[in-house]
Amino acid sequence: MPSLPGPATDVPVTPAVTPAPDPTVPATPAPTPATTPATTPATTPATTPANTDADRQSVTVENSFLEYGFFAGVTPREPTDEELAGLYEETNRFFTEVFEAEYGDDFVGFEAADNVATFLGVNAEYPVNIDFNAVATFAEGVAPLPTRDEIFTVMQNSDLNDYIQSFVWEADPPMSGLFYDTQRVRYDARISSTGGRKK
């Protein structure tokens, strides 16, 4: 009796069929179906996403940095983790739009990776500095792939006034964080003379 209510709740059709073959073949059906489905689905989904990611191509501008200056009357300070998280999110959003406009469907995504924030002091022209690696990702088969110099140039020519007004000022926490008082921003990268092309 304790065996019947359990299967009856899960699968109403099973209890009628199970009791007859149960004593006859308990060991045979268990290993056969368990082995077959476990092996088949494990291989298929693992292969598909791996290939998709591998097919994408990335170009990285290492040692990029953004510097932030603030309005007169604002006392610069070290930004909080929340303020930096909001800034990083808006920075990724801004450059994603920049590259989408430049490369269209060939472009897949942008990430400012390995962010490191530095507070340079209240008297610095740009008190807050963010170092990062700029990673632009493109779809499979894009050829020729943009060079590192070209990615750098697109970023350097981007409209940083739009970045400030439409992105930095919108960063969390809304209308209250340090970056809401940003007046000027400068982008650059420390690119070596021999490392300007992706090979």
Protein backbone atom coordinates (compact mmCIF):
# COMPACT_ATOMS: atom_id res chain seq x y z
CA MET A 1 0.00 0.00 0.00
CA PRO A 2 2.74 2.61 0.70
CA SER A 3 4.13 2.01 -2.82
CA LEU A 4 0.86 2.83 -4.62
CA PRO A 5 0.11 6.40 -3.39
CA GLY A 6 3.61 7.63 -4.25
CA PRO A 7 3.61 6.79 -7.99
CA ALA A 8 -0.11 7.49 -8.30
CA THR A 9 0.43 11.16 -7.41
CA ASP A 10 3.33 11.68 -9.81
CA VAL A 11 2.03 9.73 -12.81
CA PRO A 12 -1.58 8.45 -12.68
CA VAL A 13 -1.10 5.99 -15.58
CA THR A 14 2.09 4.37 -14.17
CA PRO A 15 0.70 2.56 -11.07
CA ALA A 16 -1.54 0.32 -13.18
CA VAL A 17 1.30 -0.82 -15.45
CA THR A 18 4.14 -0.90 -12.89
CA PRO A 19 2.93 -3.53 -10.35
CA ALA A 20 2.78 -6.37 -12.91
CA PRO A 21 6.30 -6.17 -14.43
CA ASP A 22 7.83 -4.79 -11.22
CA PRO A 23 8.77 -8.12 -9.54
CA THR A 24 9.79 -9.69 -12.84
CA VAL A 25 12.18 -7.11 -14.24
CA PRO A 26 13.40 -4.71 -11.49
CA ALA A 27 17.07 -4.57 -12.48
CA THR A 28 16.83 -4.69 -16.30
CA PRO A 29 14.80 -1.51 -17.11
CA ALA A 30 16.59 0.66 -14.54
CA PRO A 31 20.14 0.62 -15.98
CA THR A 32 19.10 0.69 -19.66
CA PRO A 33 16.99 3.91 -19.75
CA ALA A 34 19.16 5.64 -17.16
CA THR A 35 22.34 5.18 -19.21
CA THR A 36 20.93 6.11 -22.62
CA PRO A 37 19.29 9.53 -21.90
CA ALA A 38 22.05 10.63 -19.53
CA THR A 39 24.73 10.25 -22.20
CA THR A 40 22.86 11.76 -25.16
CA PRO A 41 21.67 15.16 -23.76
CA ALA A 42 24.91 15.82 -21.89
CA THR A 43 26.94 15.85 -25.11
CA THR A 44 24.55 17.86 -27.32
CA PRO A 45 23.95 21.07 -25.26
CA ALA A 46 27.58 21.30 -24.14
CA THR A 47 28.82 21.40 -27.75
CA THR A 48 26.39 24.02 -29.11
CA PRO A 49 27.12 27.03 -26.83
CA ALA A 50 30.85 26.29 -26.80
CA ASN A 51 31.01 26.55 -30.59
CA THR A 52 28.95 29.73 -30.61
CA ASP A 53 31.29 31.50 -28.19
CA ALA A 54 34.38 30.24 -30.01
CA ASP A 55 33.09 31.60 -33.31
CA ARG A 56 32.96 35.15 -31.98
CA GLN A 57 36.03 37.32 -32.45
CA SER A 58 37.26 39.96 -30.04
CA VAL A 59 39.62 42.90 -30.38
CA THR A 60 41.05 44.33 -27.15
CA VAL A 61 42.54 47.75 -26.50
CA GLU A 62 44.56 47.05 -23.38
CA ASN A 63 45.38 49.73 -20.82
CA SER A 64 42.51 52.01 -21.78
CA PHE A 65 41.49 54.65 -19.28
CA LEU A 66 38.78 57.22 -18.63
CA GLU A 67 39.43 60.26 -16.45
CA TYR A 68 36.66 62.22 -14.71
CA GLY A 69 36.68 65.89 -13.68
CA PHE A 70 33.95 67.57 -11.64
CA PHE A 71 32.12 70.90 -11.43
CA ALA A 72 33.60 73.75 -9.40
CA GLY A 73 32.38 73.64 -5.82
CA VAL A 74 32.28 69.84 -5.75
CA THR A 75 34.73 68.19 -3.37
CA PRO A 76 36.10 65.13 -5.19
CA ARG A 77 36.41 61.91 -3.21
CA GLU A 78 36.96 58.22 -3.72
CA PRO A 79 33.84 56.75 -5.38
CA THR A 80 31.82 54.06 -3.60
CA ASP A 81 31.39 50.53 -4.96
CA GLU A 82 27.77 51.35 -5.86
CA GLU A 83 28.83 54.46 -7.77
CA LEU A 84 31.51 52.54 -9.67
CA ALA A 85 29.09 49.72 -10.54
CA GLY A 86 26.64 52.26 -11.94
CA LEU A 87 29.39 54.00 -13.92
CA TYR A 88 30.72 50.72 -15.38
CA GLU A 89 27.22 49.72 -16.51
CA GLU A 90 26.61 53.05 -18.25
CA THR A 91 30.10 53.01 -19.82
CA ASN A 92 29.42 49.60 -21.36
CA ARG A 93 26.05 50.83 -22.60
CA PHE A 94 27.57 53.96 -24.16
CA PHE A 95 30.36 52.20 -26.07
CA THR A 96 27.96 49.45 -27.15
CA GLU A 97 25.87 52.13 -28.88
CA VAL A 98 29.00 53.73 -30.35
CA PHE A 99 30.18 50.46 -31.92
CA GLU A 100 26.69 49.47 -33.08
CA ALA A 101 26.51 52.76 -34.98
CA GLU A 102 29.99 52.20 -36.45
CA TYR A 103 29.84 48.48 -37.37
CA GLY A 104 26.14 47.56 -37.47
CA ASP A 105 25.27 43.85 -37.39
CA ASP A 106 28.95 42.83 -37.46
CA PHE A 107 29.27 44.08 -33.89
CA VAL A 108 28.17 41.77 -31.04
CA GLY A 109 29.10 43.47 -27.76
CA PHE A 110 31.41 45.67 -25.72
CA GLU A 111 32.87 45.28 -22.25
CA ALA A 112 35.14 47.49 -20.19
CA ALA A 113 36.91 44.61 -18.46
CA ASP A 114 39.30 44.45 -15.51
CA ASN A 115 38.23 47.85 -14.17
CA VAL A 116 40.51 49.52 -11.64
CA ALA A 117 39.45 52.85 -10.10
CA THR A 118 42.02 55.29 -8.69
CA PHE A 119 41.37 58.48 -6.75
CA LEU A 120 44.16 60.95 -7.59
CA GLY A 121 43.31 63.60 -4.99
CA VAL A 122 41.05 66.64 -4.64
CA ASN A 123 43.44 68.98 -6.48
CA ALA A 124 43.87 66.84 -9.60
CA GLU A 125 42.35 68.10 -12.86
CA TYR A 126 40.78 64.65 -13.27
CA PRO A 127 40.49 63.30 -9.71
CA VAL A 128 39.04 59.90 -10.64
CA ASN A 129 40.74 57.56 -13.11
CA ILE A 130 39.32 54.24 -14.37
CA ASP A 131 41.78 51.82 -16.02
CA PHE A 132 40.28 48.99 -18.07
CA ASN A 133 40.71 46.73 -21.08
CA ALA A 134 38.28 47.68 -23.85
CA VAL A 135 36.94 44.48 -25.44
CA ALA A 136 34.89 44.76 -28.65
CA THR A 137 33.37 41.50 -29.87
CA PHE A 138 32.31 40.79 -33.45
CA ALA A 139 30.26 38.07 -35.12
CA GLU A 140 31.68 34.97 -36.76
CA GLY A 141 33.16 35.49 -40.19
CA VAL A 142 33.63 39.25 -39.99
CA ALA A 143 36.53 40.03 -42.30
CA PRO A 144 38.58 41.99 -42.17
CA LEU A 145 38.32 42.20 -38.41
CA PRO A 146 38.83 45.78 -37.15
CA THR A 147 42.34 46.38 -35.83
CA ARG A 148 43.14 47.48 -32.31
CA ASP A 149 44.09 50.92 -33.66
CA GLU A 150 40.71 51.21 -35.35
CA ILE A 151 38.84 50.26 -32.19
CA PHE A 152 40.89 52.80 -30.25
CA THR A 153 40.15 55.50 -32.82
CA VAL A 154 36.40 54.86 -32.68
CA MET A 155 36.50 55.19 -28.90
CA GLN A 156 38.68 58.29 -28.97
CA ASN A 157 36.38 59.98 -31.51
CA SER A 158 33.20 59.14 -29.60
CA ASP A 159 31.05 61.98 -28.30
CA LEU A 160 32.11 62.25 -24.67
CA ASN A 161 29.71 65.13 -24.04
CA ASP A 162 26.88 62.73 -24.91
CA TYR A 163 28.56 60.13 -22.67
CA ILE A 164 28.49 62.58 -19.74
CA GLN A 165 24.97 63.92 -20.22
CA SER A 166 23.13 60.78 -21.35
CA PHE A 167 25.06 58.07 -19.53
CA VAL A 168 27.34 59.24 -16.69
CA TRP A 169 24.69 61.52 -15.21
CA GLU A 170 22.21 58.64 -15.44
CA ALA A 171 24.41 56.19 -13.52
CA ASP A 172 23.20 54.69 -10.25
CA PRO A 173 22.62 55.94 -7.66
CA PRO A 174 20.34 58.32 -9.61
CA MET A 175 20.92 62.07 -9.22
CA SER A 176 22.92 61.63 -6.03
CA GLY A 177 26.21 59.87 -6.78
CA LEU A 178 29.63 61.42 -7.27
CA PHE A 179 29.48 61.02 -11.05
CA TYR A 180 26.27 63.06 -11.29
CA ASP A 181 28.60 66.06 -10.81
CA THR A 182 30.92 65.11 -13.69
CA GLN A 183 31.84 68.07 -15.89
CA ARG A 184 34.52 66.64 -18.18
CA VAL A 185 35.83 63.23 -19.26
CA ARG A 186 38.93 62.21 -21.17
CA TYR A 187 39.54 58.85 -22.87
CA ASP A 188 42.93 57.49 -23.91
CA ALA A 189 44.96 54.27 -23.99
CA ARG A 190 48.58 53.33 -23.47
CA ILE A 191 49.17 51.59 -26.80
CA SER A 192 52.67 50.46 -27.68
CA SER A 193 54.01 51.30 -31.14
CA THR A 194 54.39 47.60 -31.98
CA GLY A 195 51.07 46.40 -30.65
CA GLY A 196 48.63 48.35 -32.77
CA ARG A 197 47.41 45.48 -34.92
CA LYS A 198 45.55 42.31 -33.97
CA LYS A 199 47.30 39.30 -35.44
